[in-house]
Full PDB file with SEQRES, HELIX, SHEET, SSBOND, CRYST1, ORIGX, SCALE, CONECT and MASTER records, all heavy atoms in Angstrom:
SEQRES   1 A   39  CYS LEU GLU ALA LEU VAL PRO GLY LEU SER ALA GLY LEU          
SEQRES   2 A   39  ILE ARG ASP VAL VAL VAL VAL ASP ALA GLY SER THR ASP          
SEQRES   3 A   39  GLN SER ARG ASP LEU ALA LEU ASP MET GLY CYS ARG VAL          
HELIX    1 AA1 LEU A    2  SER A   10  1                                   9    
HELIX    2 AA2 SER A   28  ASP A   34  1                                   7    
CRYST1    1.000    1.000    1.000  90.00  90.00  90.00 P 1           1          
ORIGX1      1.000000  0.000000  0.000000        0.00000                         
ORIGX2      0.000000  1.000000  0.000000        0.00000                         
ORIGX3      0.000000  0.000000  1.000000        0.00000                         
SCALE1      1.000000  0.000000  0.000000        0.00000                         
SCALE2      0.000000  1.000000  0.000000        0.00000                         
SCALE3      0.000000  0.000000  1.000000        0.00000                         
ATOM      1  N   CYS A   1     141.494  56.226 224.044  1.00  0.00           N  
ATOM      2  CA  CYS A   1     140.873  57.384 223.395  1.00  0.00           C  
ATOM      3  C   CYS A   1     140.064  56.961 222.173  1.00  0.00           C  
ATOM      4  O   CYS A   1     138.906  57.349 222.005  1.00  0.00           O  
ATOM      5  CB  CYS A   1     141.959  58.381 223.015  1.00  0.00           C  
ATOM      6  SG  CYS A   1     141.346  59.845 222.165  1.00  0.00           S  
ATOM      7  N   LEU A   2     140.669  56.152 221.320  1.00  0.00           N  
ATOM      8  CA  LEU A   2     139.976  55.727 220.103  1.00  0.00           C  
ATOM      9  C   LEU A   2     138.793  54.822 220.410  1.00  0.00           C  
ATOM     10  O   LEU A   2     137.764  54.893 219.729  1.00  0.00           O  
ATOM     11  CB  LEU A   2     140.951  55.044 219.147  1.00  0.00           C  
ATOM     12  CG  LEU A   2     142.048  55.940 218.586  1.00  0.00           C  
ATOM     13  CD1 LEU A   2     142.941  55.147 217.640  1.00  0.00           C  
ATOM     14  CD2 LEU A   2     141.477  57.163 217.897  1.00  0.00           C  
ATOM     15  N   GLU A   3     138.910  53.989 221.431  1.00  0.00           N  
ATOM     16  CA  GLU A   3     137.785  53.143 221.820  1.00  0.00           C  
ATOM     17  C   GLU A   3     136.585  53.988 222.217  1.00  0.00           C  
ATOM     18  O   GLU A   3     135.438  53.603 221.997  1.00  0.00           O  
ATOM     19  CB  GLU A   3     138.182  52.205 222.958  1.00  0.00           C  
ATOM     20  CG  GLU A   3     139.062  51.073 222.504  1.00  0.00           C  
ATOM     21  CD  GLU A   3     139.597  50.232 223.648  1.00  0.00           C  
ATOM     22  OE1 GLU A   3     139.181  50.425 224.808  1.00  0.00           O  
ATOM     23  OE2 GLU A   3     140.446  49.369 223.373  1.00  0.00           O  
ATOM     24  N   ALA A   4     136.821  55.160 222.783  1.00  0.00           N  
ATOM     25  CA  ALA A   4     135.729  56.062 223.155  1.00  0.00           C  
ATOM     26  C   ALA A   4     135.154  56.792 221.943  1.00  0.00           C  
ATOM     27  O   ALA A   4     133.965  57.121 221.924  1.00  0.00           O  
ATOM     28  CB  ALA A   4     136.220  57.070 224.189  1.00  0.00           C  
ATOM     29  N   LEU A   5     135.973  57.043 220.927  1.00  0.00           N  
ATOM     30  CA  LEU A   5     135.532  57.819 219.771  1.00  0.00           C  
ATOM     31  C   LEU A   5     134.937  56.999 218.635  1.00  0.00           C  
ATOM     32  O   LEU A   5     134.048  57.475 217.916  1.00  0.00           O  
ATOM     33  CB  LEU A   5     136.703  58.632 219.213  1.00  0.00           C  
ATOM     34  CG  LEU A   5     137.230  59.729 220.120  1.00  0.00           C  
ATOM     35  CD1 LEU A   5     138.498  60.324 219.525  1.00  0.00           C  
ATOM     36  CD2 LEU A   5     136.173  60.798 220.335  1.00  0.00           C  
ATOM     37  N   VAL A   6     135.402  55.789 218.442  1.00  0.00           N  
ATOM     38  CA  VAL A   6     134.987  54.990 217.291  1.00  0.00           C  
ATOM     39  C   VAL A   6     133.473  54.736 217.246  1.00  0.00           C  
ATOM     40  O   VAL A   6     132.886  54.774 216.171  1.00  0.00           O  
ATOM     41  CB  VAL A   6     135.807  53.685 217.203  1.00  0.00           C  
ATOM     42  CG1 VAL A   6     135.198  52.699 216.240  1.00  0.00           C  
ATOM     43  CG2 VAL A   6     137.229  54.027 216.761  1.00  0.00           C  
ATOM     44  N   PRO A   7     132.789  54.528 218.369  1.00  0.00           N  
ATOM     45  CA  PRO A   7     131.333  54.373 218.272  1.00  0.00           C  
ATOM     46  C   PRO A   7     130.646  55.600 217.655  1.00  0.00           C  
ATOM     47  O   PRO A   7     129.711  55.454 216.873  1.00  0.00           O  
ATOM     48  CB  PRO A   7     130.898  54.156 219.724  1.00  0.00           C  
ATOM     49  CG  PRO A   7     132.088  53.535 220.371  1.00  0.00           C  
ATOM     50  CD  PRO A   7     133.264  54.219 219.721  1.00  0.00           C  
ATOM     51  N   GLY A   8     131.112  56.787 217.972  1.00  0.00           N  
ATOM     52  CA  GLY A   8     130.556  58.005 217.369  1.00  0.00           C  
ATOM     53  C   GLY A   8     130.854  58.086 215.888  1.00  0.00           C  
ATOM     54  O   GLY A   8     130.040  58.558 215.099  1.00  0.00           O  
ATOM     55  N   LEU A   9     132.004  57.587 215.498  1.00  0.00           N  
ATOM     56  CA  LEU A   9     132.385  57.531 214.089  1.00  0.00           C  
ATOM     57  C   LEU A   9     131.476  56.552 213.349  1.00  0.00           C  
ATOM     58  O   LEU A   9     130.918  56.872 212.298  1.00  0.00           O  
ATOM     59  CB  LEU A   9     133.853  57.120 213.976  1.00  0.00           C  
ATOM     60  CG  LEU A   9     134.526  57.134 212.623  1.00  0.00           C  
ATOM     61  CD1 LEU A   9     134.531  58.529 212.035  1.00  0.00           C  
ATOM     62  CD2 LEU A   9     135.947  56.613 212.748  1.00  0.00           C  
ATOM     63  N   SER A  10     131.284  55.391 213.929  1.00  0.00           N  
ATOM     64  CA  SER A  10     130.435  54.362 213.317  1.00  0.00           C  
ATOM     65  C   SER A  10     128.978  54.801 213.243  1.00  0.00           C  
ATOM     66  O   SER A  10     128.270  54.467 212.291  1.00  0.00           O  
ATOM     67  CB  SER A  10     130.528  53.060 214.114  1.00  0.00           C  
ATOM     68  OG  SER A  10     131.844  52.577 214.097  1.00  0.00           O  
ATOM     69  N   ALA A  11     128.526  55.555 214.232  1.00  0.00           N  
ATOM     70  CA  ALA A  11     127.134  56.010 214.276  1.00  0.00           C  
ATOM     71  C   ALA A  11     126.887  57.230 213.402  1.00  0.00           C  
ATOM     72  O   ALA A  11     125.752  57.677 213.269  1.00  0.00           O  
ATOM     73  CB  ALA A  11     126.751  56.320 215.725  1.00  0.00           C  
ATOM     74  N   GLY A  12     127.947  57.796 212.822  1.00  0.00           N  
ATOM     75  CA  GLY A  12     127.787  58.961 211.969  1.00  0.00           C  
ATOM     76  C   GLY A  12     127.727  60.277 212.716  1.00  0.00           C  
ATOM     77  O   GLY A  12     127.363  61.301 212.157  1.00  0.00           O  
ATOM     78  N   LEU A  13     128.087  60.282 213.990  1.00  0.00           N  
ATOM     79  CA  LEU A  13     128.093  61.514 214.770  1.00  0.00           C  
ATOM     80  C   LEU A  13     129.380  62.302 214.577  1.00  0.00           C  
ATOM     81  O   LEU A  13     129.420  63.502 214.819  1.00  0.00           O  
ATOM     82  CB  LEU A  13     127.912  61.195 216.256  1.00  0.00           C  
ATOM     83  CG  LEU A  13     126.626  60.446 216.608  1.00  0.00           C  
ATOM     84  CD1 LEU A  13     126.654  60.021 218.064  1.00  0.00           C  
ATOM     85  CD2 LEU A  13     125.413  61.307 216.302  1.00  0.00           C  
ATOM     86  N   ILE A  14     130.427  61.611 214.169  1.00  0.00           N  
ATOM     87  CA  ILE A  14     131.739  62.211 213.924  1.00  0.00           C  
ATOM     88  C   ILE A  14     132.090  61.956 212.464  1.00  0.00           C  
ATOM     89  O   ILE A  14     131.945  60.838 211.981  1.00  0.00           O  
ATOM     90  CB  ILE A  14     132.810  61.573 214.840  1.00  0.00           C  
ATOM     91  CG1 ILE A  14     132.463  61.799 216.307  1.00  0.00           C  
ATOM     92  CG2 ILE A  14     134.192  62.123 214.512  1.00  0.00           C  
ATOM     93  CD1 ILE A  14     133.337  61.013 217.267  1.00  0.00           C  
ATOM     94  N   ARG A  15     132.507  63.001 211.755  1.00  0.00           N  
ATOM     95  CA  ARG A  15     132.870  62.846 210.340  1.00  0.00           C  
ATOM     96  C   ARG A  15     134.101  61.981 210.183  1.00  0.00           C  
ATOM     97  O   ARG A  15     134.132  61.053 209.404  1.00  0.00           O  
ATOM     98  CB  ARG A  15     133.109  64.206 209.707  1.00  0.00           C  
ATOM     99  CG  ARG A  15     133.502  64.090 208.241  1.00  0.00           C  
ATOM    100  CD  ARG A  15     133.824  65.393 207.556  1.00  0.00           C  
ATOM    101  NE  ARG A  15     133.627  66.543 208.399  1.00  0.00           N  
ATOM    102  CZ  ARG A  15     133.374  67.759 207.961  1.00  0.00           C  
ATOM    103  NH1 ARG A  15     133.284  67.978 206.681  1.00  0.00           N  
ATOM    104  NH2 ARG A  15     133.228  68.761 208.795  1.00  0.00           N  
ATOM    105  N   ASP A  16     135.178  62.319 210.911  1.00  0.00           N  
ATOM    106  CA  ASP A  16     136.387  61.519 210.829  1.00  0.00           C  
ATOM    107  C   ASP A  16     137.280  61.784 212.028  1.00  0.00           C  
ATOM    108  O   ASP A  16     137.162  62.810 212.689  1.00  0.00           O  
ATOM    109  CB  ASP A  16     137.160  61.732 209.523  1.00  0.00           C  
ATOM    110  CG  ASP A  16     137.494  63.175 209.214  1.00  0.00           C  
ATOM    111  OD1 ASP A  16     137.156  64.064 210.014  1.00  0.00           O  
ATOM    112  OD2 ASP A  16     138.099  63.419 208.169  1.00  0.00           O  
ATOM    113  N   VAL A  17     138.136  60.807 212.287  1.00  0.00           N  
ATOM    114  CA  VAL A  17     139.156  60.930 213.321  1.00  0.00           C  
ATOM    115  C   VAL A  17     140.487  60.852 212.589  1.00  0.00           C  
ATOM    116  O   VAL A  17     140.759  59.884 211.882  1.00  0.00           O  
ATOM    117  CB  VAL A  17     139.042  59.811 214.379  1.00  0.00           C  
ATOM    118  CG1 VAL A  17     140.172  59.921 215.394  1.00  0.00           C  
ATOM    119  CG2 VAL A  17     137.683  59.852 215.075  1.00  0.00           C  
ATOM    120  N   VAL A  18     141.283  61.895 212.755  1.00  0.00           N  
ATOM    121  CA  VAL A  18     142.576  61.974 212.086  1.00  0.00           C  
ATOM    122  C   VAL A  18     143.669  61.900 213.151  1.00  0.00           C  
ATOM    123  O   VAL A  18     143.709  62.737 214.053  1.00  0.00           O  
ATOM    124  CB  VAL A  18     142.710  63.288 211.280  1.00  0.00           C  
ATOM    125  CG1 VAL A  18     144.056  63.348 210.576  1.00  0.00           C  
ATOM    126  CG2 VAL A  18     141.567  63.439 210.297  1.00  0.00           C  
ATOM    127  N   VAL A  19     144.506  60.900 213.042  1.00  0.00           N  
ATOM    128  CA  VAL A  19     145.630  60.759 213.957  1.00  0.00           C  
ATOM    129  C   VAL A  19     146.867  61.268 213.223  1.00  0.00           C  
ATOM    130  O   VAL A  19     147.211  60.779 212.146  1.00  0.00           O  
ATOM    131  CB  VAL A  19     145.799  59.287 214.388  1.00  0.00           C  
ATOM    132  CG1 VAL A  19     147.058  59.114 215.221  1.00  0.00           C  
ATOM    133  CG2 VAL A  19     144.569  58.821 215.162  1.00  0.00           C  
ATOM    134  N   VAL A  20     147.500  62.280 213.793  1.00  0.00           N  
ATOM    135  CA  VAL A  20     148.704  62.870 213.199  1.00  0.00           C  
ATOM    136  C   VAL A  20     149.893  62.343 213.987  1.00  0.00           C  
ATOM    137  O   VAL A  20     150.084  62.677 215.153  1.00  0.00           O  
ATOM    138  CB  VAL A  20     148.642  64.411 213.251  1.00  0.00           C  
ATOM    139  CG1 VAL A  20     149.887  65.011 212.616  1.00  0.00           C  
ATOM    140  CG2 VAL A  20     147.381  64.913 212.568  1.00  0.00           C  
ATOM    141  N   ASP A  21     150.668  61.477 213.360  1.00  0.00           N  
ATOM    142  CA  ASP A  21     151.748  60.782 214.048  1.00  0.00           C  
ATOM    143  C   ASP A  21     153.099  61.426 213.745  1.00  0.00           C  
ATOM    144  O   ASP A  21     153.443  61.670 212.596  1.00  0.00           O  
ATOM    145  CB  ASP A  21     151.767  59.308 213.629  1.00  0.00           C  
ATOM    146  CG  ASP A  21     152.765  58.532 214.441  1.00  0.00           C  
ATOM    147  OD1 ASP A  21     152.518  58.353 215.637  1.00  0.00           O  
ATOM    148  OD2 ASP A  21     153.799  58.137 213.876  1.00  0.00           O  
ATOM    149  N   ALA A  22     153.849  61.680 214.811  1.00  0.00           N  
ATOM    150  CA  ALA A  22     155.147  62.339 214.691  1.00  0.00           C  
ATOM    151  C   ALA A  22     156.294  61.345 214.803  1.00  0.00           C  
ATOM    152  O   ALA A  22     157.243  61.544 215.552  1.00  0.00           O  
ATOM    153  CB  ALA A  22     155.277  63.419 215.751  1.00  0.00           C  
ATOM    154  N   GLY A  23     156.197  60.252 214.065  1.00  0.00           N  
ATOM    155  CA  GLY A  23     157.292  59.301 214.021  1.00  0.00           C  
ATOM    156  C   GLY A  23     157.325  58.306 215.166  1.00  0.00           C  
ATOM    157  O   GLY A  23     158.400  57.932 215.635  1.00  0.00           O  
ATOM    158  N   SER A  24     156.166  57.853 215.599  1.00  0.00           N  
ATOM    159  CA  SER A  24     156.107  56.878 216.689  1.00  0.00           C  
ATOM    160  C   SER A  24     156.875  55.610 216.336  1.00  0.00           C  
ATOM    161  O   SER A  24     156.911  55.192 215.185  1.00  0.00           O  
ATOM    162  CB  SER A  24     154.652  56.490 216.969  1.00  0.00           C  
ATOM    163  OG  SER A  24     153.935  57.579 217.486  1.00  0.00           O  
ATOM    164  N   THR A  25     157.457  55.009 217.372  1.00  0.00           N  
ATOM    165  CA  THR A  25     158.137  53.733 217.192  1.00  0.00           C  
ATOM    166  C   THR A  25     157.328  52.584 217.796  1.00  0.00           C  
ATOM    167  O   THR A  25     157.771  51.447 217.775  1.00  0.00           O  
ATOM    168  CB  THR A  25     159.540  53.770 217.822  1.00  0.00           C  
ATOM    169  OG1 THR A  25     159.431  54.116 219.202  1.00  0.00           O  
ATOM    170  CG2 THR A  25     160.426  54.773 217.105  1.00  0.00           C  
ATOM    171  N   ASP A  26     156.157  52.905 218.355  1.00  0.00           N  
ATOM    172  CA  ASP A  26     155.265  51.862 218.854  1.00  0.00           C  
ATOM    173  C   ASP A  26     154.195  51.588 217.783  1.00  0.00           C  
ATOM    174  O   ASP A  26     154.365  51.960 216.634  1.00  0.00           O  
ATOM    175  CB  ASP A  26     154.643  52.258 220.200  1.00  0.00           C  
ATOM    176  CG  ASP A  26     153.776  53.504 220.118  1.00  0.00           C  
ATOM    177  OD1 ASP A  26     153.547  54.027 219.002  1.00  0.00           O  
ATOM    178  OD2 ASP A  26     153.314  53.964 221.177  1.00  0.00           O  
ATOM    179  N   GLN A  27     153.119  50.969 218.143  1.00  0.00           N  
ATOM    180  CA  GLN A  27     152.083  50.609 217.167  1.00  0.00           C  
ATOM    181  C   GLN A  27     150.941  51.616 217.098  1.00  0.00           C  
ATOM    182  O   GLN A  27     149.833  51.280 216.678  1.00  0.00           O  
ATOM    183  CB  GLN A  27     151.523  49.216 217.500  1.00  0.00           C  
ATOM    184  CG  GLN A  27     152.488  48.083 217.247  1.00  0.00           C  
ATOM    185  CD  GLN A  27     153.533  47.959 218.351  1.00  0.00           C  
ATOM    186  OE1 GLN A  27     153.262  48.203 219.511  1.00  0.00           O  
ATOM    187  NE2 GLN A  27     154.740  47.602 217.977  1.00  0.00           N  
ATOM    188  N   SER A  28     151.177  52.858 217.472  1.00  0.00           N  
ATOM    189  CA  SER A  28     150.121  53.883 217.448  1.00  0.00           C  
ATOM    190  C   SER A  28     149.501  54.018 216.061  1.00  0.00           C  
ATOM    191  O   SER A  28     148.278  54.041 215.911  1.00  0.00           O  
ATOM    192  CB  SER A  28     150.685  55.247 217.873  1.00  0.00           C  
ATOM    193  OG  SER A  28     151.139  55.219 219.199  1.00  0.00           O  
ATOM    194  N   ARG A  29     150.330  54.097 215.056  1.00  0.00           N  
ATOM    195  CA  ARG A  29     149.854  54.275 213.685  1.00  0.00           C  
ATOM    196  C   ARG A  29     148.993  53.098 213.241  1.00  0.00           C  
ATOM    197  O   ARG A  29     147.903  53.273 212.698  1.00  0.00           O  
ATOM    198  CB  ARG A  29     151.058  54.443 212.751  1.00  0.00           C  
ATOM    199  CG  ARG A  29     150.703  54.697 211.327  1.00  0.00           C  
ATOM    200  CD  ARG A  29     151.975  54.784 210.470  1.00  0.00           C  
ATOM    201  NE  ARG A  29     151.672  55.274 209.160  1.00  0.00           N  
ATOM    202  CZ  ARG A  29     151.049  54.576 208.224  1.00  0.00           C  
ATOM    203  NH1 ARG A  29     150.635  53.350 208.470  1.00  0.00           N  
ATOM    204  NH2 ARG A  29     150.800  55.102 207.045  1.00  0.00           N  
ATOM    205  N   ASP A  30     149.464  51.890 213.469  1.00  0.00           N  
ATOM    206  CA  ASP A  30     148.725  50.697 213.064  1.00  0.00           C  
ATOM    207  C   ASP A  30     147.389  50.587 213.792  1.00  0.00           C  
ATOM    208  O   ASP A  30     146.379  50.216 213.197  1.00  0.00           O  
ATOM    209  CB  ASP A  30     149.555  49.440 213.315  1.00  0.00           C  
ATOM    210  CG  ASP A  30     150.807  49.392 212.459  1.00  0.00           C  
ATOM    211  OD1 ASP A  30     150.796  49.994 211.354  1.00  0.00           O  
ATOM    212  OD2 ASP A  30     151.787  48.775 212.883  1.00  0.00           O  
ATOM    213  N   LEU A  31     147.385  50.916 215.071  1.00  0.00           N  
ATOM    214  CA  LEU A  31     146.148  50.883 215.848  1.00  0.00           C  
ATOM    215  C   LEU A  31     145.118  51.829 215.248  1.00  0.00           C  
ATOM    216  O   LEU A  31     143.958  51.462 215.055  1.00  0.00           O  
ATOM    217  CB  LEU A  31     146.417  51.269 217.306  1.00  0.00           C  
ATOM    218  CG  LEU A  31     145.168  51.483 218.150  1.00  0.00           C  
ATOM    219  CD1 LEU A  31     144.464  50.160 218.407  1.00  0.00           C  
ATOM    220  CD2 LEU A  31     145.509  52.179 219.451  1.00  0.00           C  
ATOM    221  N   ALA A  32     145.543  53.048 214.944  1.00  0.00           N  
ATOM    222  CA  ALA A  32     144.627  54.032 214.381  1.00  0.00           C  
ATOM    223  C   ALA A  32     144.050  53.556 213.050  1.00  0.00           C  
ATOM    224  O   ALA A  32     142.845  53.677 212.807  1.00  0.00           O  
ATOM    225  CB  ALA A  32     145.338  55.372 214.209  1.00  0.00           C  
ATOM    226  N   LEU A  33     144.883  53.012 212.204  1.00  0.00           N  
ATOM    227  CA  LEU A  33     144.398  52.494 210.922  1.00  0.00           C  
ATOM    228  C   LEU A  33     143.424  51.343 211.124  1.00  0.00           C  
ATOM    229  O   LEU A  33     142.370  51.288 210.480  1.00  0.00           O  
ATOM    230  CB  LEU A  33     145.571  52.048 210.052  1.00  0.00           C  
ATOM    231  CG  LEU A  33     146.436  53.162 209.482  1.00  0.00           C  
ATOM    232  CD1 LEU A  33     147.678  52.577 208.824  1.00  0.00           C  
ATOM    233  CD2 LEU A  33     145.646  54.006 208.490  1.00  0.00           C  
ATOM    234  N   ASP A  34     143.744  50.434 212.038  1.00  0.00           N  
ATOM    235  CA  ASP A  34     142.871  49.285 212.313  1.00  0.00           C  
ATOM    236  C   ASP A  34     141.507  49.714 212.835  1.00  0.00           C  
ATOM    237  O   ASP A  34     140.514  49.022 212.626  1.00  0.00           O  
ATOM    238  CB  ASP A  34     143.522  48.331 213.317  1.00  0.00           C  
ATOM    239  CG  ASP A  34     144.710  47.576 212.737  1.00  0.00           C  
ATOM    240  OD1 ASP A  34     144.867  47.575 211.490  1.00  0.00           O  
ATOM    241  OD2 ASP A  34     145.480  47.006 213.522  1.00  0.00           O  
ATOM    242  N   MET A  35     141.451  50.863 213.511  1.00  0.00           N  
ATOM    243  CA  MET A  35     140.199  51.327 214.094  1.00  0.00           C  
ATOM    244  C   MET A  35     139.432  52.259 213.152  1.00  0.00           C  
ATOM    245  O   MET A  35     138.438  52.852 213.539  1.00  0.00           O  
ATOM    246  CB  MET A  35     140.451  51.970 215.441  1.00  0.00           C  
ATOM    247  CG  MET A  35     140.977  50.954 216.446  1.00  0.00           C  
ATOM    248  SD  MET A  35     141.080  51.563 218.121  1.00  0.00           S  
ATOM    249  CE  MET A  35     139.385  51.377 218.650  1.00  0.00           C  
ATOM    250  N   GLY A  36     139.900  52.382 211.927  1.00  0.00           N  
ATOM    251  CA  GLY A  36     139.170  53.153 210.931  1.00  0.00           C  
ATOM    252  C   GLY A  36     139.468  54.634 210.887  1.00  0.00           C  
ATOM    253  O   GLY A  36     138.718  55.412 210.285  1.00  0.00           O  
ATOM    254  N   CYS A  37     140.570  55.033 211.484  1.00  0.00           N  
ATOM    255  CA  CYS A  37     140.951  56.446 211.487  1.00  0.00           C  
ATOM    256  C   CYS A  37     141.846  56.750 210.291  1.00  0.00           C  
ATOM    257  O   CYS A  37     142.494  55.861 209.751  1.00  0.00           O  
ATOM    258  CB  CYS A  37     141.711  56.779 212.773  1.00  0.00           C  
ATOM    259  SG  CYS A  37     140.779  56.415 214.263  1.00  0.00           S  
ATOM    260  N   ARG A  38     141.886  58.023 209.922  1.00  0.00           N  
ATOM    261  CA  ARG A  38     142.863  58.468 208.930  1.00  0.00           C  
ATOM    262  C   ARG A  38     144.149  58.756 209.678  1.00  0.00           C  
ATOM    263  O   ARG A  38     144.119  59.237 210.806  1.00  0.00           O  
ATOM    264  CB  ARG A  38     142.368  59.742 208.238  1.00  0.00           C  
ATOM    265  CG  ARG A  38     141.180  59.493 207.359  1.00  0.00           C  
ATOM    266  CD  ARG A  38     140.647  60.748 206.699  1.00  0.00           C  
ATOM    267  NE  ARG A  38     141.687  61.656 206.275  1.00  0.00           N  
ATOM    268  CZ  ARG A  38     141.523  62.960 206.157  1.00  0.00           C  
ATOM    269  NH1 ARG A  38     140.363  63.521 206.410  1.00  0.00           N  
ATOM    270  NH2 ARG A  38     142.518  63.734 205.772  1.00  0.00           N  
ATOM    271  N   VAL A  39     145.276  58.483 209.046  1.00  0.00           N  
ATOM    272  CA  VAL A  39     146.577  58.732 209.694  1.00  0.00           C  
ATOM    273  C   VAL A  39     147.412  59.608 208.773  1.00  0.00           C  
ATOM    274  O   VAL A  39     147.548  59.340 207.584  1.00  0.00           O  
ATOM    275  CB  VAL A  39     147.320  57.411 209.979  1.00  0.00           C  
ATOM    276  CG1 VAL A  39     148.705  57.692 210.544  1.00  0.00           C  
ATOM    277  CG2 VAL A  39     146.518  56.541 210.949  1.00  0.00           C  
TER     278      VAL A  39                                                      
MASTER        0    0    0    2    0    0    0    6  277    1    0    3          
END                                                                             
């Protein structure tokens, strides 16, 4: 999902991508931060 959205973020077509995490135990949060999203 983020791989599809990040180009629009980088191009200025999307203001921001906010990932709202409900206590994940995998690396969802870290991935979102690494890809430039707000968490």
